[in-house]
Amino acid sequence: MSTLTLRLTDEKHARLRELAALQGVSMNHLIDELTTAALAQHAAEQRFRRSANAGSAQKGLKILAKLDQHFSS
């Protein structure tokens, strides 16, 4: 396990402490949860981009056209 030192504004630090208290967790746990969420979001974006690059623009446009037809009727 690693130790990380962060430089935050006093206001941001206070807001994070308040959020941790509201959730009933330590600051360490809160930061761990937030970084996990950020990494999951990044991984999802990377999967999406890989899928988009492997796909067909024509097929994608056809699907979007079907969605437009479905939701506009």
Protein backbone atom coordinates (compact mmCIF):
# COMPACT_ATOMS: atom_id res chain seq x y z
CA MET A 1 0.00 0.00 0.00
CA SER A 2 1.20 3.50 -0.83
CA THR A 3 0.92 6.84 0.91
CA LEU A 4 -0.04 9.89 -1.11
CA THR A 5 0.22 13.54 -0.08
CA LEU A 6 -2.35 15.85 -1.67
CA ARG A 7 -2.36 19.63 -1.83
CA LEU A 8 -5.91 20.94 -1.61
CA THR A 9 -7.38 24.34 -0.95
CA ASP A 10 -8.66 24.75 2.58
CA GLU A 11 -12.20 25.05 1.24
CA LYS A 12 -11.98 21.83 -0.75
CA HIS A 13 -10.45 20.01 2.21
CA ALA A 14 -13.26 21.21 4.48
CA ARG A 15 -15.90 20.13 1.96
CA LEU A 16 -14.31 16.67 1.64
CA ARG A 17 -14.19 16.31 5.44
CA GLU A 18 -17.87 17.26 5.58
CA LEU A 19 -18.73 14.75 2.86
CA ALA A 20 -16.81 12.00 4.64
CA ALA A 21 -18.59 12.81 7.90
CA LEU A 22 -22.00 12.78 6.19
CA GLN A 23 -21.21 9.36 4.72
CA GLY A 24 -19.84 8.13 8.03
CA VAL A 25 -16.44 7.21 6.60
CA SER A 26 -12.87 8.37 7.10
CA MET A 27 -11.22 10.81 4.73
CA ASN A 28 -8.95 7.98 3.61
CA HIS A 29 -11.95 5.79 2.76
CA LEU A 30 -13.69 8.64 0.95
CA ILE A 31 -10.63 9.40 -1.19
CA ASP A 32 -10.24 5.68 -1.92
CA GLU A 33 -13.89 5.50 -3.07
CA LEU A 34 -13.54 8.62 -5.23
CA THR A 35 -10.39 7.37 -6.93
CA THR A 36 -12.01 3.98 -7.54
CA ALA A 37 -14.98 5.72 -9.19
CA ALA A 38 -12.65 7.84 -11.35
CA LEU A 39 -10.69 4.77 -12.46
CA ALA A 40 -13.91 2.88 -13.27
CA GLN A 41 -15.17 5.82 -15.33
CA HIS A 42 -11.89 5.98 -17.21
CA ALA A 43 -11.96 2.22 -17.91
CA ALA A 44 -15.54 2.46 -19.20
CA GLU A 45 -14.57 5.32 -21.51
CA GLN A 46 -11.62 3.33 -22.83
CA ARG A 47 -13.85 0.29 -23.50
CA PHE A 48 -16.34 2.52 -25.29
CA ARG A 49 -13.62 4.08 -27.44
CA ARG A 50 -12.19 0.67 -28.36
CA SER A 51 -15.67 -0.56 -29.31
CA ALA A 52 -16.34 2.60 -31.31
CA ASN A 53 -13.06 2.27 -33.18
CA ALA A 54 -13.78 -1.37 -33.99
CA GLY A 55 -17.32 -0.65 -35.17
CA SER A 56 -18.80 0.59 -38.40
CA ALA A 57 -19.87 4.22 -38.75
CA GLN A 58 -22.62 3.19 -41.19
CA LYS A 59 -24.07 0.65 -38.75
CA GLY A 60 -23.92 3.21 -35.96
CA LEU A 61 -25.76 5.80 -38.04
CA LYS A 62 -28.45 3.25 -38.94
CA ILE A 63 -28.98 2.46 -35.26
CA LEU A 64 -29.22 6.16 -34.41
CA ALA A 65 -31.74 6.67 -37.23
CA LYS A 66 -33.86 3.82 -35.82
CA LEU A 67 -33.73 5.41 -32.38
CA ASP A 68 -34.76 8.77 -33.84
CA GLN A 69 -37.72 7.13 -35.58
CA HIS A 70 -38.74 5.26 -32.44
CA PHE A 71 -38.61 8.24 -30.11
CA SER A 72 -40.09 10.78 -32.53
CA SER A 73 -43.29 8.82 -33.16
